[in-house]
Amino acid sequence: MSAPLDLRASLDEAERDTLLRALAESHGLIEPACELMGIARSSIYRLIKKHGLVLRRVYVATLPANGCEAARLSARQEVTP
């Protein structure tokens, strides 16, 4: 006999997987992830909280090729499942 199917758990898992994929494809940027999923910013923050994900800001230094210019520092979000 097979195990009972839990629709709610399956939907939650699919929702979490979709959220993680959208955030990965958008390099952790919220606006592009919202566009990929077709949802509002408030909705994506609600989903992040619901699934226990943590956003953290990561700073990345870009060094110039010629060595004369100053390094550029940019920020992006990373998601920790």
C-alpha atoms as a PDB file:
ATOM      1  CA  MET A   1       0.000   0.000   0.000  1.00  0.00           C
ATOM      2  CA  SER A   2       1.395   3.417  -0.904  1.00  0.00           C
ATOM      3  CA  ALA A   3       1.790   6.312   1.541  1.00  0.00           C
ATOM      4  CA  PRO A   4      -1.052   8.839   1.685  1.00  0.00           C
ATOM      5  CA  LEU A   5      -0.624  11.890  -0.524  1.00  0.00           C
ATOM      6  CA  ASP A   6      -0.335  15.190   1.302  1.00  0.00           C
ATOM      7  CA  LEU A   7      -1.454  17.929  -1.074  1.00  0.00           C
ATOM      8  CA  ARG A   8      -0.544  20.817   1.261  1.00  0.00           C
ATOM      9  CA  ALA A   9       3.011  19.503   1.763  1.00  0.00           C
ATOM     10  CA  SER A  10       3.424  18.995  -1.986  1.00  0.00           C
ATOM     11  CA  LEU A  11       2.221  22.518  -2.746  1.00  0.00           C
ATOM     12  CA  ASP A  12       4.486  24.009  -0.072  1.00  0.00           C
ATOM     13  CA  GLU A  13       7.477  22.119  -1.465  1.00  0.00           C
ATOM     14  CA  ALA A  14       6.734  23.296  -5.021  1.00  0.00           C
ATOM     15  CA  GLU A  15       6.288  26.880  -3.780  1.00  0.00           C
ATOM     16  CA  ARG A  16       9.624  26.786  -1.910  1.00  0.00           C
ATOM     17  CA  ASP A  17      11.453  25.247  -4.884  1.00  0.00           C
ATOM     18  CA  THR A  18      10.037  27.894  -7.229  1.00  0.00           C
ATOM     19  CA  LEU A  19      11.014  30.685  -4.827  1.00  0.00           C
ATOM     20  CA  LEU A  20      14.584  29.374  -4.485  1.00  0.00           C
ATOM     21  CA  ARG A  21      14.906  28.985  -8.246  1.00  0.00           C
ATOM     22  CA  ALA A  22      13.655  32.528  -8.917  1.00  0.00           C
ATOM     23  CA  LEU A  23      16.043  33.965  -6.321  1.00  0.00           C
ATOM     24  CA  ALA A  24      18.944  31.945  -7.744  1.00  0.00           C
ATOM     25  CA  GLU A  25      18.206  33.055 -11.313  1.00  0.00           C
ATOM     26  CA  SER A  26      17.953  36.693 -10.194  1.00  0.00           C
ATOM     27  CA  HIS A  27      21.198  36.447  -8.161  1.00  0.00           C
ATOM     28  CA  GLY A  28      19.244  37.170  -4.999  1.00  0.00           C
ATOM     29  CA  LEU A  29      17.721  40.397  -6.295  1.00  0.00           C
ATOM     30  CA  ILE A  30      14.132  40.760  -5.153  1.00  0.00           C
ATOM     31  CA  GLU A  31      12.632  42.792  -8.031  1.00  0.00           C
ATOM     32  CA  PRO A  32      13.765  40.424 -10.806  1.00  0.00           C
ATOM     33  CA  ALA A  33      12.674  37.420  -8.725  1.00  0.00           C
ATOM     34  CA  CYS A  34       9.234  39.017  -8.337  1.00  0.00           C
ATOM     35  CA  GLU A  35       9.036  39.532 -12.090  1.00  0.00           C
ATOM     36  CA  LEU A  36      10.029  35.915 -12.763  1.00  0.00           C
ATOM     37  CA  MET A  37       7.338  34.656 -10.382  1.00  0.00           C
ATOM     38  CA  GLY A  38       4.724  37.250 -11.343  1.00  0.00           C
ATOM     39  CA  ILE A  39       4.166  38.361  -7.739  1.00  0.00           C
ATOM     40  CA  ALA A  40       4.469  41.569  -5.708  1.00  0.00           C
ATOM     41  CA  ARG A  41       7.409  42.424  -3.419  1.00  0.00           C
ATOM     42  CA  SER A  42       5.224  42.000  -0.346  1.00  0.00           C
ATOM     43  CA  SER A  43       4.320  38.487  -1.497  1.00  0.00           C
ATOM     44  CA  ILE A  44       7.919  37.410  -2.012  1.00  0.00           C
ATOM     45  CA  TYR A  45       8.893  38.676   1.446  1.00  0.00           C
ATOM     46  CA  ARG A  46       5.940  36.754   2.916  1.00  0.00           C
ATOM     47  CA  LEU A  47       7.096  33.584   1.120  1.00  0.00           C
ATOM     48  CA  ILE A  48      10.691  34.075   2.285  1.00  0.00           C
ATOM     49  CA  LYS A  49       9.471  34.306   5.869  1.00  0.00           C
ATOM     50  CA  LYS A  50       7.004  31.413   5.486  1.00  0.00           C
ATOM     51  CA  HIS A  51       9.713  29.065   4.246  1.00  0.00           C
ATOM     52  CA  GLY A  52      12.275  30.166   6.827  1.00  0.00           C
ATOM     53  CA  LEU A  53      14.766  31.564   4.328  1.00  0.00           C
ATOM     54  CA  VAL A  54      17.329  34.186   5.319  1.00  0.00           C
ATOM     55  CA  LEU A  55      18.436  36.995   3.016  1.00  0.00           C
ATOM     56  CA  ARG A  56      21.852  38.406   3.652  1.00  0.00           C
ATOM     57  CA  ARG A  57      23.680  41.167   1.853  1.00  0.00           C
ATOM     58  CA  VAL A  58      26.968  40.169   0.256  1.00  0.00           C
ATOM     59  CA  TYR A  59      29.480  42.716  -0.946  1.00  0.00           C
ATOM     60  CA  VAL A  60      31.551  41.867  -3.988  1.00  0.00           C
ATOM     61  CA  ALA A  61      34.678  43.784  -4.987  1.00  0.00           C
ATOM     62  CA  THR A  62      35.467  44.128  -8.678  1.00  0.00           C
ATOM     63  CA  LEU A  63      39.099  44.892  -9.375  1.00  0.00           C
ATOM     64  CA  PRO A  64      39.909  46.981 -12.447  1.00  0.00           C
ATOM     65  CA  ALA A  65      41.850  45.340 -15.264  1.00  0.00           C
ATOM     66  CA  ASN A  66      44.413  48.125 -15.631  1.00  0.00           C
ATOM     67  CA  GLY A  67      45.109  48.662 -11.932  1.00  0.00           C
ATOM     68  CA  CYS A  68      44.686  52.453 -12.186  1.00  0.00           C
ATOM     69  CA  GLU A  69      41.055  52.729 -11.219  1.00  0.00           C
ATOM     70  CA  ALA A  70      39.667  52.091  -7.755  1.00  0.00           C
ATOM     71  CA  ALA A  71      38.007  48.776  -7.039  1.00  0.00           C
ATOM     72  CA  ARG A  72      34.238  48.845  -7.317  1.00  0.00           C
ATOM     73  CA  LEU A  73      32.118  47.429  -4.504  1.00  0.00           C
ATOM     74  CA  SER A  74      28.636  46.158  -5.251  1.00  0.00           C
ATOM     75  CA  ALA A  75      26.026  44.544  -3.058  1.00  0.00           C
ATOM     76  CA  ARG A  76      23.698  41.648  -3.771  1.00  0.00           C
ATOM     77  CA  GLN A  77      21.418  39.426  -1.745  1.00  0.00           C
ATOM     78  CA  GLU A  78      22.098  35.781  -0.999  1.00  0.00           C
ATOM     79  CA  VAL A  79      19.500  33.337   0.215  1.00  0.00           C
ATOM     80  CA  THR A  80      20.292  30.801   2.889  1.00  0.00           C
ATOM     81  CA  PRO A  81      17.804  27.925   2.887  1.00  0.00           C
END
